[in-house]
Amino acid sequence: MGAGLIADERLAAAEPDRALTEAFLIGTWRDGDNAIRIAARRPAGGIAVEGKGSYRGTGPTPNEGGFSANATVGSAEILVLRDGGCIVVLERRGRYLLASDNAGCGGHNVRFVGIYLRRTAR
């Protein structure tokens, strides 16, 4: 018995799930010291999102920032959250939550840019 190769024409790229559903989003997501907490808004519907982040530079006190927003979730692939001048965009790649911001979410060098992992149960 032996193993063979699969012909190139029989291979297909794997596509991670990209739908941002409420069931997927709810929980606490972390990337290093930064956290994004997403909870269901009952009875109003939709979700409440709160982000808290920090950046420790060379000084004794870390810079802190954050955002708070409510949103309605469908099955879109991108969710845009706004809190004043802070804009955070969330995307899903399989079991990961990708975040990107406009650098307007608080303290100097505090960013919500990265790959977030769920840290608490839904």
C-alpha atoms as a PDB file:
ATOM      1  CA  MET A   1       0.000   0.000   0.000  1.00  0.00           C
ATOM      2  CA  GLY A   2       1.214   3.489  -0.722  1.00  0.00           C
ATOM      3  CA  ALA A   3       0.216   7.071  -0.792  1.00  0.00           C
ATOM      4  CA  GLY A   4      -0.098   9.188  -3.879  1.00  0.00           C
ATOM      5  CA  LEU A   5      -0.385  12.793  -4.820  1.00  0.00           C
ATOM      6  CA  ILE A   6      -3.563  14.666  -5.619  1.00  0.00           C
ATOM      7  CA  ALA A   7      -3.572  16.280  -9.030  1.00  0.00           C
ATOM      8  CA  ASP A   8      -3.603  20.104  -9.012  1.00  0.00           C
ATOM      9  CA  GLU A   9      -6.887  20.263 -10.912  1.00  0.00           C
ATOM     10  CA  ARG A  10      -8.609  18.324  -8.105  1.00  0.00           C
ATOM     11  CA  LEU A  11      -7.534  20.774  -5.366  1.00  0.00           C
ATOM     12  CA  ALA A  12      -9.673  23.682  -4.185  1.00  0.00           C
ATOM     13  CA  ALA A  13      -8.794  26.499  -1.835  1.00  0.00           C
ATOM     14  CA  ALA A  14     -10.457  26.304   1.568  1.00  0.00           C
ATOM     15  CA  GLU A  15     -12.801  29.211   2.257  1.00  0.00           C
ATOM     16  CA  PRO A  16     -13.182  30.186   5.921  1.00  0.00           C
ATOM     17  CA  ASP A  17     -16.619  31.155   7.178  1.00  0.00           C
ATOM     18  CA  ARG A  18     -17.038  34.934   6.853  1.00  0.00           C
ATOM     19  CA  ALA A  19     -20.625  35.565   7.987  1.00  0.00           C
ATOM     20  CA  LEU A  20     -20.839  37.828  11.029  1.00  0.00           C
ATOM     21  CA  THR A  21     -23.826  36.474  12.893  1.00  0.00           C
ATOM     22  CA  GLU A  22     -24.946  37.461  16.372  1.00  0.00           C
ATOM     23  CA  ALA A  23     -24.314  33.910  17.602  1.00  0.00           C
ATOM     24  CA  PHE A  24     -20.705  34.079  16.390  1.00  0.00           C
ATOM     25  CA  LEU A  25     -19.973  37.565  17.729  1.00  0.00           C
ATOM     26  CA  ILE A  26     -21.279  37.339  21.290  1.00  0.00           C
ATOM     27  CA  GLY A  27     -18.503  36.816  23.821  1.00  0.00           C
ATOM     28  CA  THR A  28     -15.222  38.403  24.896  1.00  0.00           C
ATOM     29  CA  TRP A  29     -12.500  38.610  22.270  1.00  0.00           C
ATOM     30  CA  ARG A  30      -8.850  39.319  23.044  1.00  0.00           C
ATOM     31  CA  ASP A  31      -5.722  40.338  21.173  1.00  0.00           C
ATOM     32  CA  GLY A  32      -2.940  40.731  23.708  1.00  0.00           C
ATOM     33  CA  ASP A  33      -4.087  43.238  26.334  1.00  0.00           C
ATOM     34  CA  ASN A  34      -6.910  44.569  24.169  1.00  0.00           C
ATOM     35  CA  ALA A  35     -10.432  43.231  24.602  1.00  0.00           C
ATOM     36  CA  ILE A  36     -13.665  43.552  22.650  1.00  0.00           C
ATOM     37  CA  ARG A  37     -16.777  42.488  24.566  1.00  0.00           C
ATOM     38  CA  ILE A  38     -19.921  41.807  22.587  1.00  0.00           C
ATOM     39  CA  ALA A  39     -23.283  41.178  24.241  1.00  0.00           C
ATOM     40  CA  ALA A  40     -26.842  40.793  23.005  1.00  0.00           C
ATOM     41  CA  ARG A  41     -29.087  43.801  23.608  1.00  0.00           C
ATOM     42  CA  ARG A  42     -32.315  42.523  25.091  1.00  0.00           C
ATOM     43  CA  PRO A  43     -35.129  43.395  24.515  1.00  0.00           C
ATOM     44  CA  ALA A  44     -33.914  46.100  22.094  1.00  0.00           C
ATOM     45  CA  GLY A  45     -32.234  43.610  19.756  1.00  0.00           C
ATOM     46  CA  GLY A  46     -28.846  43.784  18.091  1.00  0.00           C
ATOM     47  CA  ILE A  47     -25.545  43.820  19.950  1.00  0.00           C
ATOM     48  CA  ALA A  48     -23.666  46.108  22.332  1.00  0.00           C
ATOM     49  CA  VAL A  49     -19.917  46.287  21.698  1.00  0.00           C
ATOM     50  CA  GLU A  50     -17.304  47.661  24.062  1.00  0.00           C
ATOM     51  CA  GLY A  51     -13.587  47.794  23.341  1.00  0.00           C
ATOM     52  CA  LYS A  52     -10.822  48.546  25.832  1.00  0.00           C
ATOM     53  CA  GLY A  53      -7.205  48.806  24.874  1.00  0.00           C
ATOM     54  CA  SER A  54      -3.869  50.078  26.094  1.00  0.00           C
ATOM     55  CA  TYR A  55      -0.394  50.804  24.841  1.00  0.00           C
ATOM     56  CA  ARG A  56       2.606  50.776  27.147  1.00  0.00           C
ATOM     57  CA  GLY A  57       5.316  53.058  25.859  1.00  0.00           C
ATOM     58  CA  THR A  58       8.478  54.087  27.611  1.00  0.00           C
ATOM     59  CA  GLY A  59       6.673  56.162  30.239  1.00  0.00           C
ATOM     60  CA  PRO A  60       5.382  54.928  33.592  1.00  0.00           C
ATOM     61  CA  THR A  61       1.700  55.153  32.646  1.00  0.00           C
ATOM     62  CA  PRO A  62       0.124  53.210  29.788  1.00  0.00           C
ATOM     63  CA  ASN A  63      -2.019  55.024  27.226  1.00  0.00           C
ATOM     64  CA  GLU A  64      -5.618  53.825  27.290  1.00  0.00           C
ATOM     65  CA  GLY A  65      -8.449  54.007  24.821  1.00  0.00           C
ATOM     66  CA  GLY A  66     -11.697  52.395  23.940  1.00  0.00           C
ATOM     67  CA  PHE A  67     -15.008  52.539  22.171  1.00  0.00           C
ATOM     68  CA  SER A  68     -18.644  51.696  22.772  1.00  0.00           C
ATOM     69  CA  ALA A  69     -21.232  51.081  20.062  1.00  0.00           C
ATOM     70  CA  ASN A  70     -24.505  49.339  19.335  1.00  0.00           C
ATOM     71  CA  ALA A  71     -25.161  47.558  16.063  1.00  0.00           C
ATOM     72  CA  THR A  72     -27.665  45.451  14.226  1.00  0.00           C
ATOM     73  CA  VAL A  73     -26.260  42.206  12.891  1.00  0.00           C
ATOM     74  CA  GLY A  74     -27.412  40.380   9.790  1.00  0.00           C
ATOM     75  CA  SER A  75     -25.161  38.011   7.923  1.00  0.00           C
ATOM     76  CA  ALA A  76     -22.853  40.610   6.401  1.00  0.00           C
ATOM     77  CA  GLU A  77     -19.122  39.999   6.094  1.00  0.00           C
ATOM     78  CA  ILE A  78     -18.160  43.418   7.506  1.00  0.00           C
ATOM     79  CA  LEU A  79     -19.490  45.252  10.552  1.00  0.00           C
ATOM     80  CA  VAL A  80     -18.629  48.953  10.936  1.00  0.00           C
ATOM     81  CA  LEU A  81     -18.841  50.365  14.479  1.00  0.00           C
ATOM     82  CA  ARG A  82     -18.763  54.103  15.209  1.00  0.00           C
ATOM     83  CA  ASP A  83     -18.195  55.895  18.500  1.00  0.00           C
ATOM     84  CA  GLY A  84     -17.639  59.595  17.864  1.00  0.00           C
ATOM     85  CA  GLY A  85     -14.406  59.870  15.882  1.00  0.00           C
ATOM     86  CA  CYS A  86     -13.535  56.209  16.490  1.00  0.00           C
ATOM     87  CA  ILE A  87     -14.367  53.753  13.708  1.00  0.00           C
ATOM     88  CA  VAL A  88     -13.739  50.019  14.145  1.00  0.00           C
ATOM     89  CA  VAL A  89     -14.339  47.499  11.367  1.00  0.00           C
ATOM     90  CA  LEU A  90     -14.896  43.832  12.277  1.00  0.00           C
ATOM     91  CA  GLU A  91     -14.547  40.879   9.914  1.00  0.00           C
ATOM     92  CA  ARG A  92     -14.674  37.123  10.412  1.00  0.00           C
ATOM     93  CA  ARG A  93     -12.197  34.555   9.157  1.00  0.00           C
ATOM     94  CA  GLY A  94     -13.258  31.133  10.379  1.00  0.00           C
ATOM     95  CA  ARG A  95     -13.076  31.202  14.178  1.00  0.00           C
ATOM     96  CA  TYR A  96     -11.133  34.473  14.273  1.00  0.00           C
ATOM     97  CA  LEU A  97     -12.401  38.044  14.546  1.00  0.00           C
ATOM     98  CA  LEU A  98     -10.322  40.590  12.651  1.00  0.00           C
ATOM     99  CA  ALA A  99     -10.426  44.197  13.809  1.00  0.00           C
ATOM    100  CA  SER A 100      -9.144  47.345  12.164  1.00  0.00           C
ATOM    101  CA  ASP A 101      -9.600  50.952  13.273  1.00  0.00           C
ATOM    102  CA  ASN A 102      -8.977  54.477  12.047  1.00  0.00           C
ATOM    103  CA  ALA A 103      -6.476  55.351  14.843  1.00  0.00           C
ATOM    104  CA  GLY A 104      -9.109  57.542  16.509  1.00  0.00           C
ATOM    105  CA  CYS A 105     -10.075  55.345  19.458  1.00  0.00           C
ATOM    106  CA  GLY A 106      -8.292  56.961  22.363  1.00  0.00           C
ATOM    107  CA  GLY A 107      -4.801  57.237  23.754  1.00  0.00           C
ATOM    108  CA  HIS A 108      -1.625  57.625  21.758  1.00  0.00           C
ATOM    109  CA  ASN A 109      -0.774  54.363  19.903  1.00  0.00           C
ATOM    110  CA  VAL A 110      -3.866  52.563  21.247  1.00  0.00           C
ATOM    111  CA  ARG A 111      -5.173  50.549  18.304  1.00  0.00           C
ATOM    112  CA  PHE A 112      -7.815  47.924  17.682  1.00  0.00           C
ATOM    113  CA  VAL A 113      -5.976  46.255  14.830  1.00  0.00           C
ATOM    114  CA  GLY A 114      -5.346  42.551  14.948  1.00  0.00           C
ATOM    115  CA  ILE A 115      -6.623  39.018  15.081  1.00  0.00           C
ATOM    116  CA  TYR A 116      -8.890  38.483  18.082  1.00  0.00           C
ATOM    117  CA  LEU A 117      -9.606  35.133  19.721  1.00  0.00           C
ATOM    118  CA  ARG A 118     -12.713  34.346  21.761  1.00  0.00           C
ATOM    119  CA  ARG A 119     -11.757  34.109  25.445  1.00  0.00           C
ATOM    120  CA  THR A 120     -15.124  33.547  27.076  1.00  0.00           C
ATOM    121  CA  ALA A 121     -18.091  31.382  26.205  1.00  0.00           C
ATOM    122  CA  ARG A 122     -21.037  32.810  24.376  1.00  0.00           C
END
